[in-house]
Protein backbone atom coordinates (compact mmCIF):
# COMPACT_ATOMS: atom_id res chain seq x y z
CA PHE A 1 -61.51 -135.21 -132.86
CA ASP A 2 -60.09 -131.91 -132.05
CA PRO A 3 -63.04 -129.76 -130.49
CA GLU A 4 -61.73 -126.64 -131.80
CA LEU A 5 -62.66 -127.90 -135.34
CA LYS A 6 -66.05 -127.90 -134.63
CA GLY A 7 -68.55 -125.71 -136.59
CA LYS A 8 -65.24 -124.61 -138.91
CA ASN A 9 -64.54 -125.18 -141.82
CA LEU A 10 -62.85 -128.30 -142.57
CA LEU A 11 -60.39 -127.61 -146.08
CA GLU A 12 -59.74 -124.33 -144.42
CA THR A 13 -58.46 -125.34 -141.14
CA SER A 14 -57.33 -128.80 -141.86
CA GLN A 15 -53.09 -129.59 -142.30
CA THR A 16 -51.81 -130.73 -146.18
CA LEU A 17 -50.69 -133.92 -146.42
CA LYS A 18 -46.92 -132.94 -146.36
CA GLU A 19 -47.17 -130.84 -142.95
CA TYR A 20 -49.11 -133.87 -141.88
CA MET A 21 -46.45 -136.10 -142.88
CA MET A 22 -43.49 -134.12 -141.49
CA ASP A 23 -45.35 -133.83 -137.69
CA ASN A 24 -46.68 -137.31 -137.62
CA MET A 25 -44.25 -139.60 -138.91
CA THR A 26 -40.60 -140.61 -138.93
CA ALA A 27 -38.03 -140.26 -142.05
CA GLU A 28 -37.94 -143.71 -142.25
CA GLU A 29 -41.88 -144.13 -142.15
CA ARG A 30 -41.78 -141.63 -145.05
CA ARG A 31 -39.50 -143.20 -147.23
CA SER A 32 -40.96 -146.37 -146.86
CA ILE A 33 -44.36 -144.98 -148.62
CA LYS A 34 -44.23 -145.86 -151.86
CA GLU A 35 -46.12 -143.46 -154.65
CA PRO A 36 -48.20 -145.32 -157.62
CA LYS A 37 -46.62 -145.09 -161.04
CA TYR A 38 -50.24 -145.62 -162.72
CA PHE A 39 -53.37 -144.38 -161.90
CA TYR A 40 -56.58 -145.46 -163.58
CA GLU A 41 -60.11 -144.58 -163.06
CA VAL A 42 -62.44 -147.30 -164.35
CA THR A 43 -66.24 -146.75 -165.25
CA PHE A 44 -67.99 -150.06 -164.52
CA ASP A 45 -71.80 -150.08 -166.00
CA LYS A 46 -74.53 -152.36 -164.53
CA PRO A 47 -77.31 -152.29 -167.65
CA GLY A 48 -79.42 -154.73 -165.94
CA GLY A 49 -81.53 -153.80 -162.84
CA ILE A 50 -80.30 -156.66 -160.32
CA PRO A 51 -77.10 -155.62 -158.05
CA MET A 52 -74.97 -158.32 -158.15
CA PRO A 53 -70.92 -158.30 -157.11
CA LEU A 54 -68.61 -157.23 -159.30
CA ILE A 55 -66.17 -159.24 -159.56
CA VAL A 56 -62.92 -157.77 -161.34
CA GLU A 57 -59.36 -159.22 -163.06
CA TYR A 58 -56.54 -157.15 -164.17
CA THR A 59 -54.11 -158.27 -165.64
CA TYR A 60 -50.35 -156.41 -165.62
CA ALA A 61 -47.97 -156.19 -168.29
CA ASP A 62 -45.65 -158.58 -166.45
CA GLY A 63 -48.46 -161.14 -166.74
CA THR A 64 -49.30 -161.01 -163.38
CA ARG A 65 -53.40 -161.30 -162.49
CA GLU A 66 -54.98 -159.38 -159.49
CA ASN A 67 -58.93 -160.70 -158.58
CA ILE A 68 -60.79 -158.25 -156.75
CA THR A 69 -64.74 -158.48 -155.37
CA TYR A 70 -66.65 -155.54 -154.91
CA PRO A 71 -69.78 -156.69 -153.18
CA PRO A 72 -73.42 -155.48 -154.49
CA GLU A 73 -73.39 -152.18 -152.14
CA ILE A 74 -71.09 -150.74 -154.72
CA TRP A 75 -74.15 -149.65 -156.57
CA ARG A 76 -76.52 -148.45 -153.68
CA LYS A 77 -75.39 -144.24 -154.20
CA ASN A 78 -76.11 -144.93 -158.29
CA ASP A 79 -77.63 -148.27 -159.96
CA LYS A 80 -76.65 -147.61 -163.65
CA GLU A 81 -72.74 -147.15 -164.05
CA VAL A 82 -70.05 -146.85 -160.89
CA LYS A 83 -66.14 -145.81 -161.32
CA ARG A 84 -63.48 -147.15 -159.90
CA VAL A 85 -59.62 -145.69 -159.08
CA ILE A 86 -56.95 -147.62 -159.41
CA ALA A 87 -53.61 -147.01 -158.08
CA SER A 88 -50.59 -149.41 -159.24
CA GLU A 89 -47.13 -149.89 -159.25
CA LYS A 90 -47.72 -151.75 -162.55
CA GLU A 91 -49.20 -151.26 -165.91
CA ILE A 92 -52.63 -152.45 -166.12
CA THR A 93 -52.82 -154.12 -169.74
CA GLY A 94 -55.91 -155.84 -169.34
CA ILE A 95 -59.56 -155.89 -167.40
CA VAL A 96 -61.99 -158.64 -167.49
CA VAL A 97 -65.51 -158.77 -165.53
CA ASP A 98 -66.59 -161.94 -163.90
CA PRO A 99 -63.81 -163.94 -165.89
CA LYS A 100 -65.39 -167.37 -164.48
CA ALA A 101 -68.84 -166.46 -165.10
CA GLU A 102 -69.80 -166.80 -161.91
CA THR A 103 -72.86 -164.14 -162.19
CA ALA A 104 -75.79 -163.46 -163.65
CA ASP A 105 -74.48 -161.72 -166.67
CA ILE A 106 -76.32 -161.90 -169.96
CA ASP A 107 -74.27 -159.74 -172.54
CA VAL A 108 -70.82 -161.46 -171.95
CA THR A 109 -69.46 -159.36 -174.76
CA ASN A 110 -68.74 -156.00 -172.94
CA ASN A 111 -66.86 -157.97 -170.10
CA ALA A 112 -63.23 -157.30 -171.17
CA TRP A 113 -61.02 -154.16 -171.91
CA PRO A 114 -59.59 -154.25 -174.19
CA LYS A 115 -62.51 -155.38 -176.56
CA LYS A 116 -61.92 -159.29 -177.53
CA GLU A 117 -63.41 -160.11 -180.59
CA GLN A 118 -66.45 -162.76 -180.46
CA GLN A 119 -66.71 -165.93 -182.43
CA SER A 120 -70.62 -165.67 -184.35
CA ASP A 121 -71.79 -169.07 -183.65
CA PHE A 122 -72.23 -169.59 -187.74
CA ASP A 123 -68.39 -168.81 -187.44
CA LYS A 124 -67.66 -171.70 -184.83
CA PHE A 125 -70.04 -174.09 -186.73
CA LYS A 126 -67.83 -173.04 -189.88
CA LYS A 127 -65.08 -174.01 -188.06
CA SER A 128 -66.31 -177.38 -186.56
CA ILE A 129 -67.19 -178.43 -190.47
CA LYS A 130 -63.56 -177.38 -191.38
CA GLY A 131 -62.20 -179.96 -188.93
CA LYS A 132 -63.59 -183.18 -190.15
């Protein structure tokens, strides 16, 4: 904490990121910092009333998957929707909320991007009849 900054507008008195890096990091440390190629802003909606953890599976273009669990506190500032910015070296090709059906989600039709076609009960029945 710098006592000289007390009571002053921090945006006007703070150094830019580049100046900070030049003053506080070695050349090797600066070279080791990677800039992500992709930035995504993802909005998650919560139509129900109970705050639940948000379990998300990100699928990348190379086929790898990453699971991230956001705690229920993610909903504390906005009970209807929350936005997350994802910085990644790889392109995201798919997002699935609650991929293993671990939460009390009554409408799973809105859990995937890109949107996946849901087969109706009638179509499932027709398919089972044709198979016999």
